[in-house]
PDB file of N, CA and C in Angstrom:
ATOM      1  N   MET A   1     -27.718   3.155  -0.371  1.00  0.00           N
ATOM      2  CA  MET A   1     -26.407   3.114   0.206  1.00  0.00           C
ATOM      3  C   MET A   1     -25.478   2.166  -0.534  1.00  0.00           C
ATOM      4  N   ASN A   2     -25.766   1.914  -1.755  1.00  0.00           N
ATOM      5  CA  ASN A   2     -24.976   0.987  -2.542  1.00  0.00           C
ATOM      6  C   ASN A   2     -24.117   1.752  -3.538  1.00  0.00           C
ATOM      7  N   ASP A   3     -23.324   2.680  -3.036  1.00  0.00           N
ATOM      8  CA  ASP A   3     -22.497   3.530  -3.889  1.00  0.00           C
ATOM      9  C   ASP A   3     -21.114   2.902  -4.052  1.00  0.00           C
ATOM     10  N   PRO A   4     -20.722   2.524  -5.277  1.00  0.00           N
ATOM     11  CA  PRO A   4     -19.397   1.912  -5.457  1.00  0.00           C
ATOM     12  C   PRO A   4     -18.253   2.887  -5.190  1.00  0.00           C
ATOM     13  N   ALA A   5     -18.488   4.187  -5.338  1.00  0.00           N
ATOM     14  CA  ALA A   5     -17.412   5.160  -5.107  1.00  0.00           C
ATOM     15  C   ALA A   5     -16.993   5.179  -3.639  1.00  0.00           C
ATOM     16  N   LYS A   6     -17.939   5.014  -2.739  1.00  0.00           N
ATOM     17  CA  LYS A   6     -17.612   5.017  -1.313  1.00  0.00           C
ATOM     18  C   LYS A   6     -16.760   3.800  -0.960  1.00  0.00           C
ATOM     19  N   GLY A   7     -17.117   2.655  -1.478  1.00  0.00           N
ATOM     20  CA  GLY A   7     -16.327   1.447  -1.240  1.00  0.00           C
ATOM     21  C   GLY A   7     -14.929   1.556  -1.804  1.00  0.00           C
ATOM     22  N   ARG A   8     -14.818   2.160  -2.976  1.00  0.00           N
ATOM     23  CA  ARG A   8     -13.498   2.344  -3.587  1.00  0.00           C
ATOM     24  C   ARG A   8     -12.648   3.308  -2.784  1.00  0.00           C
ATOM     25  N   TRP A   9     -13.270   4.362  -2.265  1.00  0.00           N
ATOM     26  CA  TRP A   9     -12.553   5.335  -1.456  1.00  0.00           C
ATOM     27  C   TRP A   9     -12.009   4.683  -0.183  1.00  0.00           C
ATOM     28  N   VAL A  10     -12.835   3.856   0.442  1.00  0.00           N
ATOM     29  CA  VAL A  10     -12.410   3.147   1.651  1.00  0.00           C
ATOM     30  C   VAL A  10     -11.273   2.182   1.316  1.00  0.00           C
ATOM     31  N   LEU A  11     -11.400   1.473   0.207  1.00  0.00           N
ATOM     32  CA  LEU A  11     -10.357   0.527  -0.196  1.00  0.00           C
ATOM     33  C   LEU A  11      -9.023   1.238  -0.435  1.00  0.00           C
ATOM     34  N   LEU A  12      -9.057   2.395  -1.072  1.00  0.00           N
ATOM     35  CA  LEU A  12      -7.814   3.139  -1.298  1.00  0.00           C
ATOM     36  C   LEU A  12      -7.180   3.568   0.019  1.00  0.00           C
ATOM     37  N   GLY A  13      -7.989   3.998   0.971  1.00  0.00           N
ATOM     38  CA  GLY A  13      -7.466   4.387   2.274  1.00  0.00           C
ATOM     39  C   GLY A  13      -6.847   3.218   3.024  1.00  0.00           C
ATOM     40  N   VAL A  14      -7.519   2.074   2.980  1.00  0.00           N
ATOM     41  CA  VAL A  14      -6.994   0.879   3.642  1.00  0.00           C
ATOM     42  C   VAL A  14      -5.699   0.429   2.974  1.00  0.00           C
ATOM     43  N   LEU A  15      -5.660   0.474   1.658  1.00  0.00           N
ATOM     44  CA  LEU A  15      -4.462   0.086   0.921  1.00  0.00           C
ATOM     45  C   LEU A  15      -3.279   0.976   1.277  1.00  0.00           C
ATOM     46  N   ARG A  16      -3.511   2.273   1.355  1.00  0.00           N
ATOM     47  CA  ARG A  16      -2.435   3.189   1.750  1.00  0.00           C
ATOM     48  C   ARG A  16      -1.973   2.931   3.178  1.00  0.00           C
ATOM     49  N   GLY A  17      -2.921   2.676   4.077  1.00  0.00           N
ATOM     50  CA  GLY A  17      -2.569   2.404   5.469  1.00  0.00           C
ATOM     51  C   GLY A  17      -1.738   1.139   5.627  1.00  0.00           C
ATOM     52  N   ILE A  18      -2.111   0.089   4.909  1.00  0.00           N
ATOM     53  CA  ILE A  18      -1.343  -1.152   4.954  1.00  0.00           C
ATOM     54  C   ILE A  18       0.049  -0.936   4.367  1.00  0.00           C
ATOM     55  N   GLY A  19       0.126  -0.149   3.306  1.00  0.00           N
ATOM     56  CA  GLY A  19       1.426   0.147   2.712  1.00  0.00           C
ATOM     57  C   GLY A  19       2.345   0.875   3.676  1.00  0.00           C
ATOM     58  N   VAL A  20       1.817   1.855   4.383  1.00  0.00           N
ATOM     59  CA  VAL A  20       2.619   2.591   5.363  1.00  0.00           C
ATOM     60  C   VAL A  20       3.040   1.669   6.505  1.00  0.00           C
ATOM     61  N   ALA A  21       2.145   0.796   6.938  1.00  0.00           N
ATOM     62  CA  ALA A  21       2.490  -0.149   8.005  1.00  0.00           C
ATOM     63  C   ALA A  21       3.611  -1.096   7.566  1.00  0.00           C
ATOM     64  N   LEU A  22       3.567  -1.541   6.311  1.00  0.00           N
ATOM     65  CA  LEU A  22       4.629  -2.408   5.803  1.00  0.00           C
ATOM     66  C   LEU A  22       5.957  -1.670   5.705  1.00  0.00           C
ATOM     67  N   VAL A  23       5.921  -0.397   5.345  1.00  0.00           N
ATOM     68  CA  VAL A  23       7.151   0.394   5.293  1.00  0.00           C
ATOM     69  C   VAL A  23       7.748   0.503   6.692  1.00  0.00           C
ATOM     70  N   LEU A  24       6.927   0.796   7.675  1.00  0.00           N
ATOM     71  CA  LEU A  24       7.434   0.898   9.046  1.00  0.00           C
ATOM     72  C   LEU A  24       7.973  -0.441   9.545  1.00  0.00           C
ATOM     73  N   LEU A  25       7.279  -1.521   9.241  1.00  0.00           N
ATOM     74  CA  LEU A  25       7.749  -2.845   9.626  1.00  0.00           C
ATOM     75  C   LEU A  25       9.085  -3.165   8.940  1.00  0.00           C
ATOM     76  N   GLY A  26       9.188  -2.811   7.669  1.00  0.00           N
ATOM     77  CA  GLY A  26      10.442  -3.032   6.945  1.00  0.00           C
ATOM     78  C   GLY A  26      11.596  -2.239   7.537  1.00  0.00           C
ATOM     79  N   LEU A  27      11.333  -1.010   7.955  1.00  0.00           N
ATOM     80  CA  LEU A  27      12.378  -0.220   8.605  1.00  0.00           C
ATOM     81  C   LEU A  27      12.831  -0.859   9.914  1.00  0.00           C
ATOM     82  N   MET A  28      11.895  -1.375  10.687  1.00  0.00           N
ATOM     83  CA  MET A  28      12.266  -2.022  11.943  1.00  0.00           C
ATOM     84  C   MET A  28      13.056  -3.309  11.701  1.00  0.00           C
ATOM     85  N   VAL A  29      12.705  -4.042  10.644  1.00  0.00           N
ATOM     86  CA  VAL A  29      13.441  -5.269  10.325  1.00  0.00           C
ATOM     87  C   VAL A  29      14.859  -4.926   9.893  1.00  0.00           C
ATOM     88  N   THR A  30      15.032  -3.879   9.082  1.00  0.00           N
ATOM     89  CA  THR A  30      16.379  -3.512   8.646  1.00  0.00           C
ATOM     90  C   THR A  30      17.230  -2.997   9.800  1.00  0.00           C
ATOM     91  N   GLU A  31      16.602  -2.501  10.851  1.00  0.00           N
ATOM     92  CA  GLU A  31      17.353  -2.081  12.032  1.00  0.00           C
ATOM     93  C   GLU A  31      17.702  -3.247  12.940  1.00  0.00           C
ATOM     94  N   GLY A  32      17.170  -4.434  12.672  1.00  0.00           N
ATOM     95  CA  GLY A  32      17.507  -5.620  13.438  1.00  0.00           C
ATOM     96  C   GLY A  32      16.654  -5.832  14.674  1.00  0.00           C
ATOM     97  N   ARG A  33      15.467  -5.287  14.717  1.00  0.00           N
ATOM     98  CA  ARG A  33      14.632  -5.411  15.919  1.00  0.00           C
ATOM     99  C   ARG A  33      13.921  -6.746  16.039  1.00  0.00           C
ATOM    100  N   PHE A  34      13.782  -7.492  14.941  1.00  0.00           N
ATOM    101  CA  PHE A  34      13.042  -8.749  14.985  1.00  0.00           C
ATOM    102  C   PHE A  34      13.910  -9.965  14.722  1.00  0.00           C
ATOM    103  N   GLY A  35      15.171  -9.782  14.460  1.00  0.00           N
ATOM    104  CA  GLY A  35      16.051 -10.911  14.200  1.00  0.00           C
ATOM    105  C   GLY A  35      15.872 -11.535  12.827  1.00  0.00           C
ATOM    106  N   LEU A  36      15.220 -10.837  11.936  1.00  0.00           N
ATOM    107  CA  LEU A  36      15.048 -11.323  10.564  1.00  0.00           C
ATOM    108  C   LEU A  36      16.194 -10.813   9.699  1.00  0.00           C
ATOM    109  N   PRO A  37      16.444 -11.474   8.574  1.00  0.00           N
ATOM    110  CA  PRO A  37      17.524 -11.009   7.697  1.00  0.00           C
ATOM    111  C   PRO A  37      17.256  -9.608   7.141  1.00  0.00           C
ATOM    112  N   TYR A  38      18.343  -8.915   6.840  1.00  0.00           N
ATOM    113  CA  TYR A  38      18.264  -7.546   6.332  1.00  0.00           C
ATOM    114  C   TYR A  38      17.467  -7.477   5.032  1.00  0.00           C
ATOM    115  N   TRP A  39      17.689  -8.463   4.165  1.00  0.00           N
ATOM    116  CA  TRP A  39      17.020  -8.433   2.861  1.00  0.00           C
ATOM    117  C   TRP A  39      15.509  -8.532   2.993  1.00  0.00           C
ATOM    118  N   SER A  40      15.008  -9.220   4.027  1.00  0.00           N
ATOM    119  CA  SER A  40      13.560  -9.310   4.190  1.00  0.00           C
ATOM    120  C   SER A  40      12.961  -7.944   4.542  1.00  0.00           C
ATOM    121  N   GLY A  41      13.723  -7.115   5.262  1.00  0.00           N
ATOM    122  CA  GLY A  41      13.269  -5.756   5.535  1.00  0.00           C
ATOM    123  C   GLY A  41      13.195  -4.923   4.270  1.00  0.00           C
ATOM    124  N   ILE A  42      14.158  -5.105   3.391  1.00  0.00           N
ATOM    125  CA  ILE A  42      14.153  -4.374   2.112  1.00  0.00           C
ATOM    126  C   ILE A  42      12.952  -4.802   1.273  1.00  0.00           C
ATOM    127  N   VAL A  43      12.652  -6.100   1.268  1.00  0.00           N
ATOM    128  CA  VAL A  43      11.491  -6.595   0.520  1.00  0.00           C
ATOM    129  C   VAL A  43      10.203  -5.970   1.063  1.00  0.00           C
ATOM    130  N   LEU A  44      10.080  -5.916   2.388  1.00  0.00           N
ATOM    131  CA  LEU A  44       8.897  -5.289   2.990  1.00  0.00           C
ATOM    132  C   LEU A  44       8.813  -3.804   2.631  1.00  0.00           C
ATOM    133  N   LEU A  45       9.944  -3.127   2.620  1.00  0.00           N
ATOM    134  CA  LEU A  45       9.956  -1.711   2.237  1.00  0.00           C
ATOM    135  C   LEU A  45       9.452  -1.513   0.812  1.00  0.00           C
ATOM    136  N   VAL A  46       9.948  -2.317  -0.100  1.00  0.00           N
ATOM    137  CA  VAL A  46       9.552  -2.180  -1.507  1.00  0.00           C
ATOM    138  C   VAL A  46       8.062  -2.476  -1.682  1.00  0.00           C
ATOM    139  N   ILE A  47       7.592  -3.547  -1.048  1.00  0.00           N
ATOM    140  CA  ILE A  47       6.167  -3.888  -1.153  1.00  0.00           C
ATOM    141  C   ILE A  47       5.310  -2.796  -0.513  1.00  0.00           C
ATOM    142  N   GLY A  48       5.765  -2.252   0.611  1.00  0.00           N
ATOM    143  CA  GLY A  48       5.017  -1.194   1.280  1.00  0.00           C
ATOM    144  C   GLY A  48       4.931   0.072   0.450  1.00  0.00           C
ATOM    145  N   PHE A  49       6.064   0.479  -0.144  1.00  0.00           N
ATOM    146  CA  PHE A  49       6.030   1.662  -1.001  1.00  0.00           C
ATOM    147  C   PHE A  49       5.130   1.452  -2.206  1.00  0.00           C
ATOM    148  N   ALA A  50       5.170   0.261  -2.778  1.00  0.00           N
ATOM    149  CA  ALA A  50       4.294  -0.026  -3.921  1.00  0.00           C
ATOM    150  C   ALA A  50       2.825   0.008  -3.497  1.00  0.00           C
ATOM    151  N   GLY A  51       2.538  -0.527  -2.331  1.00  0.00           N
ATOM    152  CA  GLY A  51       1.161  -0.529  -1.850  1.00  0.00           C
ATOM    153  C   GLY A  51       0.654   0.848  -1.479  1.00  0.00           C
ATOM    154  N   ALA A  52       1.542   1.705  -0.998  1.00  0.00           N
ATOM    155  CA  ALA A  52       1.113   3.028  -0.552  1.00  0.00           C
ATOM    156  C   ALA A  52       1.060   4.053  -1.687  1.00  0.00           C
ATOM    157  N   PHE A  53       1.920   3.899  -2.684  1.00  0.00           N
ATOM    158  CA  PHE A  53       2.006   4.940  -3.709  1.00  0.00           C
ATOM    159  C   PHE A  53       1.607   4.481  -5.106  1.00  0.00           C
ATOM    160  N   VAL A  54       1.975   3.283  -5.497  1.00  0.00           N
ATOM    161  CA  VAL A  54       1.733   2.844  -6.878  1.00  0.00           C
ATOM    162  C   VAL A  54       0.334   2.246  -7.043  1.00  0.00           C
ATOM    163  N   ALA A  55      -0.046   1.345  -6.156  1.00  0.00           N
ATOM    164  CA  ALA A  55      -1.325   0.646  -6.296  1.00  0.00           C
ATOM    165  C   ALA A  55      -2.537   1.584  -6.293  1.00  0.00           C
ATOM    166  N   PRO A  56      -2.605   2.602  -5.412  1.00  0.00           N
ATOM    167  CA  PRO A  56      -3.771   3.492  -5.480  1.00  0.00           C
ATOM    168  C   PRO A  56      -3.876   4.240  -6.811  1.00  0.00           C
ATOM    169  N   ARG A  57      -2.754   4.641  -7.385  1.00  0.00           N
ATOM    170  CA  ARG A  57      -2.800   5.320  -8.684  1.00  0.00           C
ATOM    171  C   ARG A  57      -3.283   4.386  -9.793  1.00  0.00           C
ATOM    172  N   VAL A  58      -2.813   3.152  -9.754  1.00  0.00           N
ATOM    173  CA  VAL A  58      -3.230   2.188 -10.768  1.00  0.00           C
ATOM    174  C   VAL A  58      -4.727   1.917 -10.656  1.00  0.00           C
ATOM    175  N   LEU A  59      -5.209   1.750  -9.427  1.00  0.00           N
ATOM    176  CA  LEU A  59      -6.634   1.479  -9.239  1.00  0.00           C
ATOM    177  C   LEU A  59      -7.503   2.671  -9.642  1.00  0.00           C
ATOM    178  N   THR A  60      -7.076   3.895  -9.320  1.00  0.00           N
ATOM    179  CA  THR A  60      -7.897   5.048  -9.705  1.00  0.00           C
ATOM    180  C   THR A  60      -7.938   5.207 -11.218  1.00  0.00           C
ATOM    181  N   ARG A  61      -6.864   4.900 -11.906  1.00  0.00           N
ATOM    182  CA  ARG A  61      -6.907   4.957 -13.370  1.00  0.00           C
ATOM    183  C   ARG A  61      -7.819   3.882 -13.939  1.00  0.00           C
ATOM    184  N   ARG A  62      -7.816   2.716 -13.314  1.00  0.00           N
ATOM    185  CA  ARG A  62      -8.659   1.628 -13.799  1.00  0.00           C
ATOM    186  C   ARG A  62     -10.136   1.930 -13.545  1.00  0.00           C
ATOM    187  N   TRP A  63     -10.426   2.569 -12.433  1.00  0.00           N
ATOM    188  CA  TRP A  63     -11.812   2.860 -12.077  1.00  0.00           C
ATOM    189  C   TRP A  63     -12.350   4.129 -12.703  1.00  0.00           C
ATOM    190  N   ARG A  64     -11.502   4.907 -13.351  1.00  0.00           N
ATOM    191  CA  ARG A  64     -11.938   6.178 -13.930  1.00  0.00           C
ATOM    192  C   ARG A  64     -12.980   5.940 -15.005  1.00  0.00           C
ATOM    193  N   SER A  65     -14.014   6.795 -15.000  1.00  0.00           N
ATOM    194  CA  SER A  65     -15.036   6.657 -16.029  1.00  0.00           C
ATOM    195  C   SER A  65     -14.504   7.156 -17.374  1.00  0.00           C
ATOM    196  N   PRO A  66     -14.987   6.570 -18.444  1.00  0.00           N
ATOM    197  CA  PRO A  66     -14.535   7.016 -19.767  1.00  0.00           C
ATOM    198  C   PRO A  66     -15.001   8.437 -20.063  1.00  0.00           C
ATOM    199  N   ARG A  67     -14.174   9.138 -20.776  1.00  0.00           N
ATOM    200  CA  ARG A  67     -14.534  10.524 -21.143  1.00  0.00           C
ATOM    201  C   ARG A  67     -15.609  10.505 -22.233  1.00  0.00           C
ATOM    202  N   PRO A  68     -16.551  11.429 -22.122  1.00  0.00           N
ATOM    203  CA  PRO A  68     -17.635  11.438 -23.129  1.00  0.00           C
ATOM    204  C   PRO A  68     -17.166  11.936 -24.480  1.00  0.00           C
TER     205      PRO A  68
END
């Protein structure tokens, strides 16, 4: 049960989930629901989008096995 692919798959799913949660939190901040500045919501949005879309692609390219 020591398969690195399973751990990587779980990590990618968790990373995407956290990214989506940050995007939703950023949207709520930009709407003024928490009393935080508008720019902090934009920062959360950018970090969330990067975590949900960019980071999983970068990690899968890094983990890809070399072609024979």
